[in-house]
Amino acid sequence: MMDRLPHEKGFHVSWDQLHRDARALAWRLQDKTPEDGWRAVVAITRGGMAPAMIVARELDIRTVDTISVKSYNHQTQTAPVVIKSPDMAIMGDGAGVLIVDDLVDTGRTLEVVRQHLPLAHVATVYAKPMGRAQVDTFVTEVSQDTWIFFPWDMALQYVEPYRGT
């Protein structure tokens, strides 16, 4: 049997599935809301923007900002670099702030984000084992060797049948 390429052990997420999973994330976060409510949502761009928008809507959080961390060049992970920070005058140390991303993989991106907002609550839709320690709340765990294909990366096209190969 041939070894599979990284993209062949894939978890394909449709827009509908992402929406359902982001709403499920919001439902899990409802019970973790601070006494004074969530002050803000910070989306980790770019993947965290769609789930953050859905979570912010579901939890009625009006202050939404972004932190941009570049850690991938296509499918190759590199050292994470913050290229845009949120408004730190509003965010402070992160207390009452909800950080949302689509996925935690190795956790290196979230390590950098936690340095900026150490008291924030970190939530991701999907989590891989190596990065789980960096996440406070998530919806679905996938194996470390699974590549998640998000809807913004996909186009409809014909796929050959699996046929047990």
Protein backbone atom coordinates (compact mmCIF):
# COMPACT_ATOMS: atom_id res chain seq x y z
CA MET A 1 0.00 0.00 0.00
CA MET A 2 1.31 3.47 -0.90
CA ASP A 3 1.81 6.20 1.69
CA ARG A 4 -0.72 8.97 1.37
CA LEU A 5 0.27 12.52 0.57
CA PRO A 6 -0.63 15.11 3.27
CA HIS A 7 -3.63 16.37 1.32
CA GLU A 8 -5.02 12.83 0.91
CA LYS A 9 -5.80 12.50 4.64
CA GLY A 10 -8.08 15.46 4.49
CA PHE A 11 -11.03 16.72 6.47
CA HIS A 12 -13.14 18.80 4.11
CA VAL A 13 -15.25 21.48 5.78
CA SER A 14 -18.13 23.10 3.86
CA TRP A 15 -19.50 26.56 4.61
CA ASP A 16 -22.56 24.91 6.17
CA GLN A 17 -20.41 22.70 8.39
CA LEU A 18 -18.21 25.61 9.45
CA HIS A 19 -21.31 27.62 10.35
CA ARG A 20 -22.75 24.75 12.42
CA ASP A 21 -19.43 24.14 14.17
CA ALA A 22 -18.87 27.86 14.91
CA ARG A 23 -22.38 28.06 16.42
CA ALA A 24 -21.57 24.98 18.52
CA LEU A 25 -18.44 26.80 19.69
CA ALA A 26 -20.59 29.77 20.72
CA TRP A 27 -22.91 27.45 22.66
CA ARG A 28 -19.94 26.00 24.56
CA LEU A 29 -18.65 29.49 25.29
CA GLN A 30 -22.01 30.63 26.67
CA ASP A 31 -21.35 28.78 29.93
CA LYS A 32 -17.86 30.31 30.16
CA THR A 33 -18.95 33.93 29.78
CA PRO A 34 -17.30 36.16 32.40
CA GLU A 35 -19.61 37.71 35.00
CA ASP A 36 -19.42 41.10 33.23
CA GLY A 37 -19.79 39.47 29.78
CA TRP A 38 -17.28 39.21 26.99
CA ARG A 39 -15.70 42.63 26.35
CA ALA A 40 -14.47 41.82 22.85
CA VAL A 41 -13.71 39.15 20.28
CA VAL A 42 -10.30 39.03 18.64
CA ALA A 43 -10.17 36.98 15.44
CA ILE A 44 -6.85 35.49 14.43
CA THR A 45 -6.64 36.33 10.75
CA ARG A 46 -7.34 35.04 8.35
CA GLY A 47 -8.85 31.70 9.31
CA GLY A 48 -10.46 32.94 12.51
CA MET A 49 -12.46 35.71 10.87
CA ALA A 50 -15.48 33.67 9.74
CA PRO A 51 -15.87 31.72 13.01
CA ALA A 52 -15.27 34.90 15.06
CA MET A 53 -18.05 36.69 13.18
CA ILE A 54 -20.45 33.83 13.88
CA VAL A 55 -19.44 33.57 17.56
CA ALA A 56 -19.72 37.36 18.00
CA ARG A 57 -23.21 37.29 16.50
CA GLU A 58 -24.37 34.34 18.59
CA LEU A 59 -23.04 35.81 21.84
CA ASP A 60 -24.00 39.43 20.97
CA ILE A 61 -20.45 40.74 21.27
CA ARG A 62 -20.17 44.06 19.44
CA THR A 63 -16.46 44.86 19.80
CA VAL A 64 -14.54 42.78 17.27
CA ASP A 65 -10.89 43.21 16.32
CA THR A 66 -8.16 41.15 14.70
CA ILE A 67 -4.64 39.99 15.32
CA SER A 68 -2.76 38.95 12.21
CA VAL A 69 -0.21 36.21 12.69
CA LYS A 70 1.59 34.80 9.69
CA SER A 71 2.71 31.25 10.31
CA TYR A 72 1.93 29.45 7.06
CA ASN A 73 3.15 29.85 3.52
CA HIS A 74 0.51 27.79 1.70
CA GLN A 75 0.83 24.38 3.46
CA THR A 76 4.27 24.95 5.00
CA GLN A 77 4.37 26.18 8.60
CA THR A 78 7.02 28.77 9.51
CA ALA A 79 7.85 30.70 12.69
CA PRO A 80 4.83 32.85 13.64
CA VAL A 81 5.15 36.61 13.25
CA VAL A 82 2.56 39.18 14.40
CA ILE A 83 1.96 41.54 11.50
CA LYS A 84 -1.05 43.41 13.01
CA SER A 85 -2.09 43.71 16.65
CA PRO A 86 -5.56 44.54 18.02
CA ASP A 87 -6.25 47.86 19.76
CA MET A 88 -4.37 47.15 22.98
CA ALA A 89 -5.95 50.16 24.73
CA ILE A 90 -9.26 48.27 24.51
CA MET A 91 -7.88 44.74 24.96
CA GLY A 92 -5.55 45.36 27.90
CA ASP A 93 -4.20 42.08 29.28
CA GLY A 94 -7.02 40.12 27.65
CA ALA A 95 -9.31 39.74 30.67
CA GLY A 96 -12.86 39.32 29.32
CA VAL A 97 -11.55 38.99 25.76
CA LEU A 98 -12.36 36.02 23.57
CA ILE A 99 -9.75 34.99 20.97
CA VAL A 100 -11.19 32.91 18.10
CA ASP A 101 -9.40 30.93 15.42
CA ASP A 102 -10.44 28.22 13.00
CA LEU A 103 -7.82 25.68 14.07
CA VAL A 104 -4.98 25.07 16.46
CA ASP A 105 -2.33 22.88 14.86
CA THR A 106 1.02 22.92 16.69
CA GLY A 107 0.01 25.75 19.03
CA ARG A 108 2.89 28.04 18.00
CA THR A 109 0.57 30.77 16.68
CA LEU A 110 -1.46 30.76 19.89
CA GLU A 111 1.71 30.92 22.00
CA VAL A 112 2.51 34.24 20.30
CA VAL A 113 -1.07 35.50 20.67
CA ARG A 114 -1.14 34.56 24.37
CA GLN A 115 1.99 36.69 24.90
CA HIS A 116 -0.04 39.70 23.73
CA LEU A 117 -3.26 38.82 25.62
CA PRO A 118 -2.28 36.49 28.48
CA LEU A 119 -5.66 36.55 30.30
CA ALA A 120 -7.83 36.04 27.21
CA HIS A 121 -9.98 32.95 26.66
CA VAL A 122 -8.83 31.11 23.52
CA ALA A 123 -11.39 29.20 21.45
CA THR A 124 -10.96 27.32 18.20
CA VAL A 125 -13.40 25.38 16.09
CA TYR A 126 -10.97 22.53 15.43
CA ALA A 127 -7.98 21.30 17.46
CA LYS A 128 -5.06 18.98 16.83
CA PRO A 129 -3.35 17.19 19.74
CA MET A 130 -0.06 19.13 19.64
CA GLY A 131 -1.84 22.45 20.10
CA ARG A 132 -4.68 21.51 22.46
CA ALA A 133 -2.85 22.84 25.53
CA GLN A 134 -3.04 26.35 24.04
CA VAL A 135 -6.85 26.24 23.69
CA ASP A 136 -9.43 26.76 26.43
CA THR A 137 -12.48 25.71 24.35
CA PHE A 138 -12.85 23.86 21.04
CA VAL A 139 -15.49 21.83 19.20
CA THR A 140 -13.82 19.01 17.24
CA GLU A 141 -10.47 17.29 17.58
CA VAL A 142 -8.75 15.84 14.51
CA SER A 143 -5.55 13.82 14.30
CA GLN A 144 -2.26 15.67 13.96
CA ASP A 145 -1.66 14.26 10.47
CA THR A 146 -5.03 15.38 9.09
CA TRP A 147 -5.09 18.40 6.81
CA ILE A 148 -8.26 20.48 7.18
CA PHE A 149 -9.56 21.95 3.94
CA PHE A 150 -11.59 25.06 4.77
CA PRO A 151 -14.31 26.33 2.44
CA TRP A 152 -12.37 29.48 1.51
CA ASP A 153 -9.62 27.23 0.10
CA MET A 154 -11.90 25.02 -1.98
CA ALA A 155 -13.63 24.92 -5.33
CA LEU A 156 -16.16 22.38 -6.59
CA GLN A 157 -14.60 19.79 -8.87
CA TYR A 158 -14.78 16.13 -9.78
CA VAL A 159 -12.99 13.69 -7.44
CA GLU A 160 -11.97 10.15 -8.39
CA PRO A 161 -13.69 7.43 -6.32
CA TYR A 162 -11.63 6.12 -3.42
CA ARG A 163 -11.99 2.41 -4.40
CA GLY A 164 -10.00 1.23 -1.39
CA THR A 165 -6.64 2.57 -2.57
